[in-house]
N, C-alpha and C. Protein backbone atom coordinates (compact mmCIF):
# COMPACT_ATOMS: atom_id res chain seq x y z
N UNK A 1 191.08 126.58 19.94
CA UNK A 1 190.44 126.79 21.01
C UNK A 1 189.24 128.07 20.24
N UNK A 2 189.29 128.29 19.57
CA UNK A 2 188.71 128.98 19.22
C UNK A 2 187.20 128.71 18.96
N UNK A 3 187.02 126.85 18.69
CA UNK A 3 185.92 126.63 19.47
C UNK A 3 185.51 126.67 20.37
N UNK A 4 185.80 126.86 21.86
CA UNK A 4 185.93 127.38 22.59
C UNK A 4 184.90 127.99 23.04
N UNK A 5 185.80 129.15 22.77
CA UNK A 5 184.96 130.66 22.63
C UNK A 5 184.10 130.83 21.62
N UNK A 6 183.87 129.91 20.91
CA UNK A 6 182.19 129.98 20.26
C UNK A 6 180.82 129.56 20.61
N UNK A 7 181.39 128.49 21.10
CA UNK A 7 181.21 128.05 22.23
C UNK A 7 180.38 128.28 23.60
N UNK A 8 181.12 128.79 23.71
CA UNK A 8 181.09 130.11 24.97
C UNK A 8 180.22 130.83 24.92
N UNK A 9 180.69 131.70 23.88
CA UNK A 9 179.84 132.63 23.56
C UNK A 9 178.09 132.27 22.87
N UNK A 10 177.71 131.00 21.96
CA UNK A 10 176.97 130.90 22.16
C UNK A 10 175.32 130.51 23.36
N UNK A 11 176.21 129.61 23.98
CA UNK A 11 175.73 129.58 25.26
C UNK A 11 175.45 130.62 26.23
N UNK A 12 176.23 131.69 25.61
CA UNK A 12 176.12 133.20 26.79
C UNK A 12 174.75 133.70 26.13
N UNK A 13 175.14 133.99 24.62
CA UNK A 13 173.44 134.29 23.92
C UNK A 13 172.29 134.05 24.46
N UNK A 14 172.48 132.39 24.63
CA UNK A 14 171.14 131.10 24.75
C UNK A 14 170.81 132.21 26.13
N UNK A 15 171.75 132.12 26.88
CA UNK A 15 171.19 132.46 28.81
C UNK A 15 171.30 134.25 28.61
N UNK A 16 171.13 134.75 28.61
CA UNK A 16 170.00 135.92 28.27
C UNK A 16 169.67 135.94 27.59
N UNK A 17 168.89 135.34 26.09
CA UNK A 17 167.43 135.24 25.48
C UNK A 17 166.62 134.23 26.32
N UNK A 18 166.92 134.11 27.56
CA UNK A 18 166.22 132.99 27.95
C UNK A 18 165.46 133.85 29.35
N UNK A 19 166.63 134.63 29.52
CA UNK A 19 166.29 135.42 31.19
C UNK A 19 164.88 136.33 30.55
N UNK A 20 165.41 137.04 30.03
CA UNK A 20 164.57 137.39 28.80
C UNK A 20 162.73 137.35 28.04
N UNK A 21 163.18 136.01 28.41
CA UNK A 21 162.06 135.93 28.14
C UNK A 21 160.04 136.26 29.30
N UNK A 22 159.32 136.18 29.15
CA UNK A 22 158.13 137.13 30.00
C UNK A 22 157.99 135.25 30.89
N UNK A 23 157.41 135.88 31.71
CA UNK A 23 157.06 135.23 32.19
C UNK A 23 155.25 135.54 32.89
N UNK A 24 154.61 134.66 32.52
CA UNK A 24 153.35 134.60 32.73
C UNK A 24 152.30 133.73 34.53
N UNK A 25 152.05 135.45 34.98
CA UNK A 25 151.47 135.07 36.25
C UNK A 25 149.78 134.65 35.77
N UNK A 26 149.65 133.24 35.86
CA UNK A 26 147.73 132.90 36.38
C UNK A 26 147.34 133.15 37.46
N UNK A 27 146.18 133.59 37.28
CA UNK A 27 144.39 134.58 37.90
C UNK A 27 144.04 132.85 38.14
N UNK A 28 143.91 132.27 38.18
CA UNK A 28 144.14 131.61 38.98
C UNK A 28 142.31 130.68 38.40
N UNK A 29 141.78 131.42 37.57
CA UNK A 29 140.57 131.38 36.89
C UNK A 29 140.74 130.19 35.93
N UNK A 30 141.77 129.58 35.68
CA UNK A 30 142.55 128.64 34.28
C UNK A 30 141.43 129.14 33.03
N UNK A 31 142.36 130.35 33.19
CA UNK A 31 141.70 131.48 32.10
C UNK A 31 140.70 132.09 31.26
N UNK A 32 139.54 131.86 32.20
CA UNK A 32 138.73 132.17 32.20
C UNK A 32 138.13 134.13 32.47
N UNK A 33 137.98 134.88 31.58
CA UNK A 33 137.30 135.82 32.01
C UNK A 33 136.69 135.97 33.99
N UNK A 34 136.85 137.20 33.81
CA UNK A 34 135.69 137.19 35.39
C UNK A 34 133.99 136.74 34.62
N UNK A 35 134.01 137.21 34.22
CA UNK A 35 132.00 136.87 33.85
C UNK A 35 131.99 135.71 34.17
N UNK A 36 132.69 134.73 32.77
CA UNK A 36 132.91 133.42 32.69
C UNK A 36 132.66 132.50 33.61
N UNK A 37 133.31 132.52 34.93
CA UNK A 37 133.74 131.77 35.92
C UNK A 37 132.43 132.38 37.20
N UNK A 38 131.88 133.58 37.06
CA UNK A 38 130.76 133.77 37.76
C UNK A 38 129.61 132.65 37.49
N UNK A 39 129.81 132.98 35.83
CA UNK A 39 128.49 131.96 35.34
C UNK A 39 128.41 130.41 36.24
N UNK A 40 129.63 129.84 35.52
CA UNK A 40 130.38 127.87 36.10
C UNK A 40 130.06 128.01 37.40
N UNK A 41 130.23 129.35 38.83
CA UNK A 41 129.78 129.06 40.01
C UNK A 41 129.12 129.08 40.92
N UNK A 42 128.16 130.31 39.71
CA UNK A 42 126.66 130.38 40.20
C UNK A 42 126.32 131.75 40.84
N UNK A 43 127.98 132.28 41.26
CA UNK A 43 127.74 133.76 42.59
C UNK A 43 127.78 134.39 41.60
N UNK A 44 126.64 136.09 42.70
CA UNK A 44 126.00 137.19 41.67
C UNK A 44 126.88 138.28 41.23
N UNK A 45 127.85 138.14 41.71
CA UNK A 45 128.57 139.22 41.11
C UNK A 45 129.79 138.48 40.74
N UNK A 46 131.22 138.82 39.87
CA UNK A 46 132.26 138.90 38.91
C UNK A 46 133.78 139.49 39.77
N UNK A 47 133.11 140.64 40.63
CA UNK A 47 133.52 140.77 41.51
C UNK A 47 134.89 139.98 42.08
N UNK A 48 135.15 138.89 42.73
CA UNK A 48 135.33 138.35 43.65
C UNK A 48 136.44 138.02 42.28
N UNK A 49 135.98 137.34 41.32
CA UNK A 49 137.18 136.40 40.17
C UNK A 49 138.25 137.64 39.69
N UNK A 50 137.92 139.32 39.40
CA UNK A 50 138.30 139.76 38.91
C UNK A 50 140.07 140.88 39.69
N UNK A 51 140.96 139.95 39.15
CA UNK A 51 141.96 140.56 40.06
C UNK A 51 142.41 142.26 40.55
N UNK A 52 141.77 143.13 39.93
CA UNK A 52 141.67 144.58 39.53
C UNK A 52 141.02 145.02 41.10
N UNK A 53 139.71 144.03 41.61
CA UNK A 53 138.49 144.16 42.46
C UNK A 53 138.63 143.78 43.66
N UNK A 54 140.07 143.77 44.15
CA UNK A 54 140.18 143.04 45.86
C UNK A 54 140.23 144.87 46.67
N UNK A 55 139.27 144.69 47.63
CA UNK A 55 139.44 145.25 48.47
C UNK A 55 141.03 145.53 49.09
N UNK A 56 140.93 146.78 49.67
CA UNK A 56 142.41 147.06 50.79
C UNK A 56 142.03 146.65 52.17
């Protein structure tokens, strides 16, 4: 019975640790900064590739 409690406690702690892991949201630029995506695509402005520069 003590073994079952230990296994349950370890599983519970594992779930808590796994649920606290940060989840990163990809921005669609494949990890490149906006200026580099602008160079690759040949665009005149990097505004369209910067996540904080969207018009409302």
